């Protein structure tokens, strides 16, 4: 076996030498049998014949040469890999170093720019604050002008224009606006009644119940501590309008303030009415007829304790001082009702004073467009005179009024003299 392998390698070496020697100019001839060639190529497919076998051998040898060449090249490449890897690592390290340097430089630049931007932003914000401060100052100044216009229009009784500026200031959320209005009203004593009246007119224009109640609550203490106002028609006006915003059974501080002012003014008016002073009552009935309806009956009512202590002859003139037929009729009806309740025996003098005033009222109605509207009530009122004495009607008291009054006055004087004599005796 070893002999065969040696022979096989020797033959293959000879053939290889032959192939290599083909490039030499000296011809060389070697006799090789077909079996020797096929023996060399036991693992390869051999073409038949000597020429085919030789051609297959040449192809095989060429492949072997190529394989050996590739093998040598791979060996050479493998020997240089270490150097290549080393060279690449150095290049990578260099690139990383450059990248780090670039990153540091860029970071430094960005930090510098960021610091600059922060400084600039701080300047911008500072400028914004300055501008905002100027805007706020201008807005405050402008609001001050609006407020001055509001107060001027209140002072001038320009209610609609005042209301326009009031709404504008409310929309700007002007602080302490109600307090500023109250302060303005009472800034000068000689103007406070006029300004109060104008402010009350403005309050009627306000859109919300809350706004109205706020101002009324601030006004009430100011009105009540001023004798020039707490008994006036302005106080009655404020209290009645406050009542329109309060529930009948409400138990709030607002309602207590309203009731306190109303009761005080009404009591004072009733007292001055007993003395024959009807100025504020008539003024209120003239300027605020709708609100007067709430108090007309009360003002025509005299407390029983005072019925025999005041001047009926003066009081009976009060209804005809009122401006409207309804107001007069209501007052006369209430007085007649009280006469029936309290003068069942002593009625002649009172009816003699009553009849002429009712005649004045009838003449007041004549020629008015609504004269017929009051005819039925007037007839009922005249008919009530006979309820005291069936034999004496309204016409009797009207005709004999002067005589009855004189008789009553003479009798009163006689009683007065007798009373003095009794005291002296």
Protein backbone atom coordinates (compact mmCIF):
# COMPACT_ATOMS: atom_id res chain seq x y z
CA UNK A 1 0.00 0.00 0.00
CA UNK A 2 2.79 2.40 0.93
CA UNK A 3 4.59 1.38 -2.29
CA UNK A 4 1.49 2.27 -4.28
CA UNK A 5 1.10 5.71 -2.60
CA UNK A 6 4.72 6.53 -3.15
CA UNK A 7 4.44 5.53 -6.77
CA UNK A 8 1.24 7.57 -7.10
CA UNK A 9 2.82 10.69 -5.64
CA UNK A 10 5.90 10.23 -7.79
CA UNK A 11 3.81 9.93 -10.89
CA UNK A 12 1.71 12.97 -9.93
CA UNK A 13 4.88 14.92 -9.26
CA UNK A 14 6.21 13.92 -12.65
CA UNK A 15 3.04 15.00 -14.35
CA UNK A 16 3.03 18.27 -12.46
CA UNK A 17 6.64 18.83 -13.45
CA UNK A 18 5.65 18.05 -17.01
CA UNK A 19 2.92 20.61 -16.89
CA UNK A 20 5.23 23.20 -15.44
CA UNK A 21 7.87 22.38 -17.99
CA UNK A 22 5.51 23.04 -20.90
CA UNK A 23 6.72 26.59 -20.76
CA UNK A 24 10.29 25.55 -21.51
CA UNK A 25 11.44 25.53 -25.09
CA UNK A 26 13.02 22.05 -24.85
CA UNK A 27 10.49 19.36 -25.88
CA UNK A 28 10.07 16.43 -23.54
CA UNK A 29 8.13 13.22 -24.14
CA UNK A 30 6.91 10.94 -21.40
CA UNK A 31 5.03 7.70 -21.96
CA UNK A 32 2.08 7.36 -19.56
CA UNK A 33 -0.55 4.71 -19.88
CA UNK A 34 -4.28 5.45 -19.66
CA UNK A 35 -4.54 3.33 -16.54
CA UNK A 36 -1.90 5.47 -14.88
CA UNK A 37 -3.93 8.62 -15.63
CA UNK A 38 -7.22 7.17 -14.44
CA UNK A 39 -5.45 5.91 -11.34
CA UNK A 40 -4.43 9.45 -10.51
CA UNK A 41 -8.03 10.62 -10.81
CA UNK A 42 -9.98 8.01 -8.96
CA UNK A 43 -12.22 10.67 -7.37
CA UNK A 44 -12.88 12.52 -10.61
CA UNK A 45 -14.88 11.54 -13.64
CA UNK A 46 -12.51 10.77 -16.52
CA UNK A 47 -13.45 11.06 -20.20
CA UNK A 48 -12.78 7.88 -22.23
CA UNK A 49 -9.66 7.50 -24.27
CA UNK A 50 -6.15 8.75 -23.74
CA UNK A 51 -6.87 12.20 -25.01
CA UNK A 52 -10.01 12.45 -22.84
CA UNK A 53 -8.12 11.15 -19.82
CA UNK A 54 -5.31 13.61 -20.48
CA UNK A 55 -7.74 16.50 -20.86
CA UNK A 56 -9.49 15.55 -17.61
CA UNK A 57 -6.12 15.39 -15.89
CA UNK A 58 -5.20 18.85 -17.17
CA UNK A 59 -8.51 20.21 -15.88
CA UNK A 60 -7.99 18.56 -12.51
CA UNK A 61 -4.48 19.94 -12.23
CA UNK A 62 -5.73 23.44 -13.11
CA UNK A 63 -8.39 23.25 -10.40
CA UNK A 64 -5.80 22.07 -7.92
CA UNK A 65 -3.54 24.97 -8.87
CA UNK A 66 -6.39 27.43 -8.41
CA UNK A 67 -7.27 25.95 -5.04
CA UNK A 68 -3.67 26.21 -3.90
CA UNK A 69 -3.53 29.83 -5.07
CA UNK A 70 -6.71 30.71 -3.15
CA UNK A 71 -5.32 28.95 -0.10
CA UNK A 72 -2.10 30.96 -0.24
CA UNK A 73 -4.00 34.22 -0.64
CA UNK A 74 -6.16 33.43 2.39
CA UNK A 75 -3.03 32.69 4.38
CA UNK A 76 -1.56 36.02 3.36
CA UNK A 77 -4.81 37.82 4.26
CA UNK A 78 -4.91 36.08 7.63
CA UNK A 79 -1.39 37.23 8.38
CA UNK A 80 -2.34 40.89 7.74
CA UNK A 81 -5.63 40.85 9.75
CA UNK A 82 -3.86 41.78 12.95
CA UNK A 83 -2.34 44.83 11.32
CA UNK A 84 -5.68 45.80 9.75
CA UNK A 85 -7.52 45.47 13.03
CA UNK A 86 -4.88 47.52 14.76
CA UNK A 87 -5.08 50.19 12.09
CA UNK A 88 -8.92 50.32 12.28
CA UNK A 89 -8.87 50.58 16.09
CA UNK A 90 -6.44 53.47 15.91
CA UNK A 91 -8.64 55.15 13.33
CA UNK A 92 -11.73 54.51 15.46
CA UNK A 93 -10.03 55.93 18.54
CA UNK A 94 -8.97 58.97 16.58
CA UNK A 95 -12.49 59.48 15.27
CA UNK A 96 -13.93 59.06 18.77
CA UNK A 97 -11.45 61.60 20.11
CA UNK A 98 -12.38 64.04 17.36
CA UNK A 99 -16.07 63.42 18.01
CA UNK A 100 -15.62 64.05 21.73
CA UNK A 101 -13.75 67.24 21.04
CA UNK A 102 -16.47 68.34 18.62
CA UNK A 103 -19.13 67.46 21.19
CA UNK A 104 -17.35 69.46 23.89
CA UNK A 105 -16.92 72.41 21.58
CA UNK A 106 -20.57 72.23 20.52
CA UNK A 107 -21.70 71.88 24.14
CA UNK A 108 -19.63 74.90 25.11
CA UNK A 109 -21.08 76.87 22.23
CA UNK A 110 -24.63 75.83 23.13
CA UNK A 111 -24.08 76.72 26.77
CA UNK A 112 -22.80 80.10 25.74
CA UNK A 113 -25.78 80.62 23.47
CA UNK A 114 -28.15 79.39 26.19
CA UNK A 115 -26.67 81.82 28.68
CA UNK A 116 -27.00 84.60 26.15
CA UNK A 117 -30.58 83.62 25.42
CA UNK A 118 -31.37 83.55 29.15
CA UNK A 119 -29.92 87.01 29.58
CA UNK A 120 -31.89 88.25 26.59
CA UNK A 121 -35.04 86.49 27.83
CA UNK A 122 -34.60 88.13 31.22
CA UNK A 123 -34.34 91.49 29.49
CA UNK A 124 -37.47 90.74 27.48
CA UNK A 125 -39.38 89.70 30.60
CA UNK A 126 -38.20 92.80 32.41
CA UNK A 127 -39.36 94.90 29.49
CA UNK A 128 -42.66 93.06 29.45
CA UNK A 129 -43.12 93.81 33.14
CA UNK A 130 -42.33 97.45 32.53
CA UNK A 131 -44.80 97.63 29.65
CA UNK A 132 -47.42 95.75 31.67
CA UNK A 133 -46.88 98.18 34.52
CA UNK A 134 -47.43 101.09 32.14
CA UNK A 135 -50.54 99.39 30.76
CA UNK A 136 -51.88 98.81 34.27
CA UNK A 137 -51.12 102.40 35.16
CA UNK A 138 -52.88 103.62 32.03
CA UNK A 139 -55.81 101.29 32.70
CA UNK A 140 -56.05 102.56 36.27
CA UNK A 141 -55.92 106.12 35.02
CA UNK A 142 -58.53 105.36 32.35
CA UNK A 143 -60.77 103.64 34.89
CA UNK A 144 -60.38 106.71 37.06
CA UNK A 145 -61.63 108.83 34.17
CA UNK A 146 -64.57 106.46 33.66
CA UNK A 147 -65.40 106.71 37.35
CA UNK A 148 -65.20 110.49 37.24
CA UNK A 149 -67.59 110.52 34.30
CA UNK A 150 -69.95 108.21 36.17
CA UNK A 151 -69.96 110.50 39.19
CA UNK A 152 -70.39 113.60 37.05
CA UNK A 153 -73.40 112.10 35.29
CA UNK A 154 -74.91 111.08 38.64
CA UNK A 155 -74.42 114.63 39.87
CA UNK A 156 -76.05 115.97 36.71
CA UNK A 157 -78.98 113.50 36.95
CA UNK A 158 -77.99 111.98 33.59
CA UNK A 159 -79.13 108.54 34.67
CA UNK A 160 -78.83 106.70 31.36
CA UNK A 161 -75.30 107.93 30.71
CA UNK A 162 -74.33 107.22 34.29
CA UNK A 163 -75.67 103.69 33.91
CA UNK A 164 -73.56 103.16 30.78
CA UNK A 165 -70.35 104.01 32.63
CA UNK A 166 -71.46 102.01 35.66
CA UNK A 167 -71.84 98.93 33.48
CA UNK A 168 -68.45 99.56 31.91
CA UNK A 169 -66.74 99.79 35.29
CA UNK A 170 -68.51 96.63 36.46
CA UNK A 171 -67.25 94.80 33.37
CA UNK A 172 -63.72 95.95 34.28
CA UNK A 173 -64.26 94.56 37.79
CA UNK A 174 -63.70 97.96 39.34
CA UNK A 175 -63.08 97.34 43.03
CA UNK A 176 -65.19 99.06 45.70
CA UNK A 177 -67.44 100.69 43.12
CA UNK A 178 -70.56 100.67 45.37
CA UNK A 179 -68.56 102.18 48.23
CA UNK A 180 -67.20 104.86 45.90
CA UNK A 181 -70.73 105.82 44.86
CA UNK A 182 -71.88 106.16 48.47
CA UNK A 183 -68.78 108.18 49.32
CA UNK A 184 -69.50 110.55 46.43
CA UNK A 185 -73.12 111.12 47.47
CA UNK A 186 -72.09 112.26 50.94
CA UNK A 187 -68.88 114.06 50.01
CA UNK A 188 -70.56 117.47 50.32
CA UNK A 189 -73.49 118.08 52.67
CA UNK A 190 -75.13 120.73 50.52
CA UNK A 191 -75.33 118.29 47.58
CA UNK A 192 -76.15 115.05 49.38
CA UNK A 193 -79.96 115.17 49.01
CA UNK A 194 -79.79 115.83 45.29
CA UNK A 195 -77.09 113.22 44.76
CA UNK A 196 -78.99 110.68 46.84
CA UNK A 197 -82.06 111.19 44.70
CA UNK A 198 -79.99 110.75 41.54
CA UNK A 199 -78.29 107.63 42.89
CA UNK A 200 -81.68 106.10 43.73
CA UNK A 201 -82.67 106.73 40.12
CA UNK A 202 -79.53 104.93 38.95
CA UNK A 203 -80.22 101.96 41.23
CA UNK A 204 -83.53 101.38 39.45
CA UNK A 205 -81.58 100.87 36.21
CA UNK A 206 -79.29 98.21 37.61
CA UNK A 207 -79.87 94.79 36.04
CA UNK A 208 -79.48 92.47 39.02
CA UNK A 209 -81.19 92.17 42.39
CA UNK A 210 -77.82 91.62 44.05
CA UNK A 211 -76.38 94.92 42.81
CA UNK A 212 -79.44 96.84 43.97
CA UNK A 213 -79.49 95.25 47.41
CA UNK A 214 -75.77 95.92 47.87
CA UNK A 215 -76.20 99.64 47.27
CA UNK A 216 -79.35 99.87 49.39
CA UNK A 217 -77.60 98.14 52.28
CA UNK A 218 -74.77 100.66 52.08
CA UNK A 219 -77.17 103.60 51.80
CA UNK A 220 -79.49 102.76 54.70
CA UNK A 221 -77.06 103.57 57.56
CA UNK A 222 -76.03 106.82 55.86
CA UNK A 223 -79.65 107.93 55.46
CA UNK A 224 -80.66 106.97 58.99
CA UNK A 225 -77.88 108.97 60.68
CA UNK A 226 -78.83 112.21 58.88
CA UNK A 227 -81.86 114.14 60.22
CA UNK A 228 -82.11 115.91 56.88
CA UNK A 229 -82.84 112.58 55.20
CA UNK A 230 -84.19 110.03 57.67
CA UNK A 231 -87.66 111.64 57.71
CA UNK A 232 -87.73 112.74 54.09
CA UNK A 233 -89.44 111.44 51.00
CA UNK A 234 -86.03 110.12 49.92
CA UNK A 235 -85.92 107.83 52.95
CA UNK A 236 -89.46 106.61 52.25
CA UNK A 237 -88.56 106.07 48.60
CA UNK A 238 -85.47 104.05 49.48
CA UNK A 239 -87.31 101.92 52.04
CA UNK A 240 -90.21 101.10 49.71
CA UNK A 241 -87.89 100.22 46.84
CA UNK A 242 -85.84 98.10 49.22
CA UNK A 243 -89.06 96.31 50.10
CA UNK A 244 -89.60 95.37 46.46
CA UNK A 245 -86.40 93.31 46.66
CA UNK A 246 -87.19 91.57 49.95
CA UNK A 247 -89.46 88.61 50.57
CA UNK A 248 -92.44 89.17 52.82
CA UNK A 249 -91.22 86.61 55.35
CA UNK A 250 -87.51 87.12 54.75
CA UNK A 251 -85.37 87.22 57.89
CA UNK A 252 -82.15 88.75 56.65
CA UNK A 253 -80.05 91.73 57.71
CA UNK A 254 -81.19 93.43 54.53
CA UNK A 255 -84.87 93.02 55.50
CA UNK A 256 -84.16 94.29 59.02
CA UNK A 257 -82.50 97.41 57.62
CA UNK A 258 -85.40 98.00 55.27
CA UNK A 259 -88.08 97.56 57.95
CA UNK A 260 -86.23 99.78 60.41
CA UNK A 261 -86.05 102.67 57.95
CA UNK A 262 -89.62 102.23 56.69
CA UNK A 263 -91.14 102.08 60.18
CA UNK A 264 -89.15 105.12 61.27
CA UNK A 265 -90.17 107.27 58.29
CA UNK A 266 -93.82 106.18 58.37
CA UNK A 267 -94.10 106.91 62.10
CA UNK A 268 -92.58 110.37 61.63
CA UNK A 269 -94.88 111.15 58.72
CA UNK A 270 -97.93 110.15 60.72
CA UNK A 271 -96.85 112.43 63.54
CA UNK A 272 -96.24 115.49 61.35
CA UNK A 273 -99.51 114.74 59.56
CA UNK A 274 -101.37 115.13 62.89
CA UNK A 275 -99.82 118.58 63.12
CA UNK A 276 -101.05 119.50 59.66
CA UNK A 277 -97.72 119.12 57.81
CA UNK A 278 -98.37 117.19 54.60
CA UNK A 279 -95.52 118.51 52.48
CA UNK A 280 -93.41 115.33 52.27
CA UNK A 281 -96.49 113.14 51.90
CA UNK A 282 -97.87 115.18 49.02
CA UNK A 283 -94.44 115.39 47.38
CA UNK A 284 -94.07 111.64 47.55
CA UNK A 285 -97.58 111.01 46.22
CA UNK A 286 -96.86 113.35 43.31
CA UNK A 287 -93.45 112.00 42.34
CA UNK A 288 -93.98 108.31 43.13
CA UNK A 289 -97.69 107.51 42.75
CA UNK A 290 -97.12 103.77 42.29
CA UNK A 291 -95.16 103.47 45.51
CA UNK A 292 -97.61 105.73 47.33
CA UNK A 293 -100.24 103.01 46.88
CA UNK A 294 -98.35 100.98 49.48
CA UNK A 295 -98.74 103.65 52.17
CA UNK A 296 -101.82 105.69 51.19
CA UNK A 297 -104.26 103.86 53.48
CA UNK A 298 -101.82 103.92 56.41
CA UNK A 299 -101.33 107.68 56.09
CA UNK A 300 -105.08 108.23 56.11
CA UNK A 301 -105.42 106.13 59.26
CA UNK A 302 -105.22 107.84 62.66
CA UNK A 303 -104.43 105.80 65.75
CA UNK A 304 -107.41 105.63 68.15
CA UNK A 305 -105.33 107.20 70.92
CA UNK A 306 -105.03 110.40 68.86
CA UNK A 307 -108.49 110.52 67.30
CA UNK A 308 -109.90 112.99 69.80
CA UNK A 309 -106.66 114.88 70.32
CA UNK A 310 -105.86 116.27 66.88
CA UNK A 311 -107.48 118.82 64.56
CA UNK A 312 -109.97 116.94 62.42
CA UNK A 313 -110.87 120.15 60.60
CA UNK A 314 -107.28 120.37 59.41
CA UNK A 315 -106.85 116.65 58.75
CA UNK A 316 -109.92 116.47 56.49
CA UNK A 317 -108.23 118.87 54.05
CA UNK A 318 -105.38 116.40 53.53
CA UNK A 319 -107.03 114.21 50.81
CA UNK A 320 -107.60 117.17 48.49
CA UNK A 321 -103.90 118.02 48.63
CA UNK A 322 -103.07 114.74 46.90
CA UNK A 323 -102.56 114.93 43.13
CA UNK A 324 -104.54 111.93 41.82
CA UNK A 325 -108.27 111.02 42.05
CA UNK A 326 -107.47 107.51 43.25
CA UNK A 327 -105.31 108.85 46.09
CA UNK A 328 -108.02 111.30 47.20
CA UNK A 329 -110.83 108.77 47.00
CA UNK A 330 -108.86 106.21 48.99
CA UNK A 331 -108.15 108.76 51.74
CA UNK A 332 -111.80 109.94 51.97
CA UNK A 333 -113.05 106.37 52.13
CA UNK A 334 -110.64 105.54 54.96
CA UNK A 335 -111.64 108.64 56.94
CA UNK A 336 -115.34 107.78 56.55
CA UNK A 337 -114.62 104.25 57.75
CA UNK A 338 -112.96 105.63 60.91
CA UNK A 339 -115.86 108.01 61.55
CA UNK A 340 -118.28 105.10 61.49
CA UNK A 341 -116.08 103.15 63.90
CA UNK A 342 -115.40 105.99 66.38
CA UNK A 343 -118.08 108.69 65.99
CA UNK A 344 -121.30 106.81 66.42
CA UNK A 345 -122.56 109.54 68.79
CA UNK A 346 -120.52 112.65 68.09
CA UNK A 347 -120.53 112.87 64.31
CA UNK A 348 -122.35 116.09 63.36
CA UNK A 349 -119.34 118.40 63.48
CA UNK A 350 -117.08 115.91 61.70
CA UNK A 351 -119.59 115.36 58.89
CA UNK A 352 -120.11 119.13 58.56
CA UNK A 353 -116.36 119.45 57.98
CA UNK A 354 -116.28 116.41 55.72
CA UNK A 355 -119.06 117.46 53.28
CA UNK A 356 -117.38 120.64 51.90
CA UNK A 357 -114.15 118.75 51.25
CA UNK A 358 -116.02 116.03 49.40
CA UNK A 359 -117.64 118.78 47.33
CA UNK A 360 -114.17 120.10 46.47
CA UNK A 361 -113.23 116.62 45.33
CA UNK A 362 -116.35 116.34 43.15
CA UNK A 363 -115.52 119.62 41.44
CA UNK A 364 -111.95 118.37 40.97
CA UNK A 365 -113.32 115.38 39.06
CA UNK A 366 -115.52 117.40 36.72
CA UNK A 367 -114.07 117.84 33.29
CA UNK A 368 -111.58 115.01 33.68
CA UNK A 369 -111.52 112.19 31.15
CA UNK A 370 -111.93 109.66 33.95
CA UNK A 371 -114.75 111.52 35.73
CA UNK A 372 -117.25 108.72 35.16
CA UNK A 373 -114.84 106.16 36.60
CA UNK A 374 -115.30 107.71 40.04
CA UNK A 375 -119.04 108.42 39.93
CA UNK A 376 -120.10 105.18 41.62
CA UNK A 377 -117.55 105.48 44.45
CA UNK A 378 -118.50 109.13 44.93
CA UNK A 379 -122.21 108.28 45.22
CA UNK A 380 -121.46 105.57 47.80
CA UNK A 381 -119.38 108.00 49.80
CA UNK A 382 -122.18 110.61 49.76
CA UNK A 383 -124.70 107.96 50.78
CA UNK A 384 -122.61 107.06 53.83
CA UNK A 385 -123.51 110.44 55.43
CA UNK A 386 -127.07 109.22 56.04
CA UNK A 387 -125.80 106.10 57.82
CA UNK A 388 -125.26 108.22 60.97
CA UNK A 389 -128.74 109.81 60.91
CA UNK A 390 -131.32 108.78 58.35
CA UNK A 391 -132.85 112.27 58.38
CA UNK A 392 -129.60 114.01 57.51
CA UNK A 393 -127.84 113.20 54.27
CA UNK A 394 -124.83 114.57 52.46
CA UNK A 395 -126.79 117.51 51.00
CA UNK A 396 -127.89 118.54 54.50
CA UNK A 397 -124.36 118.66 55.88
CA UNK A 398 -123.04 120.46 52.81
CA UNK A 399 -125.77 123.12 53.01
CA UNK A 400 -125.57 123.65 56.77
CA UNK A 401 -121.85 123.15 57.20
CA UNK A 402 -121.03 126.71 58.30
CA UNK A 403 -123.94 126.86 60.80
CA UNK A 404 -123.09 123.50 62.35
CA UNK A 405 -119.41 124.42 62.66
CA UNK A 406 -120.19 127.75 64.36
CA UNK A 407 -122.56 126.08 66.80
CA UNK A 408 -119.89 123.52 67.61
CA UNK A 409 -117.26 126.22 68.15
CA UNK A 410 -119.55 128.23 70.50
CA UNK A 411 -120.31 125.10 72.47
CA UNK A 412 -116.62 124.29 72.66
CA UNK A 413 -115.83 127.77 74.01
CA UNK A 414 -118.57 127.48 76.64
CA UNK A 415 -117.25 124.15 77.77
CA UNK A 416 -113.78 125.63 77.99
CA UNK A 417 -114.97 128.52 80.24
CA UNK A 418 -116.90 126.16 82.48
CA UNK A 419 -113.85 123.96 82.77
CA UNK A 420 -111.67 126.88 83.84
CA UNK A 421 -114.27 128.01 86.42
CA UNK A 422 -114.39 124.56 87.88
CA UNK A 423 -110.65 124.48 88.22
CA UNK A 424 -110.52 127.94 89.85
CA UNK A 425 -113.31 127.11 92.25
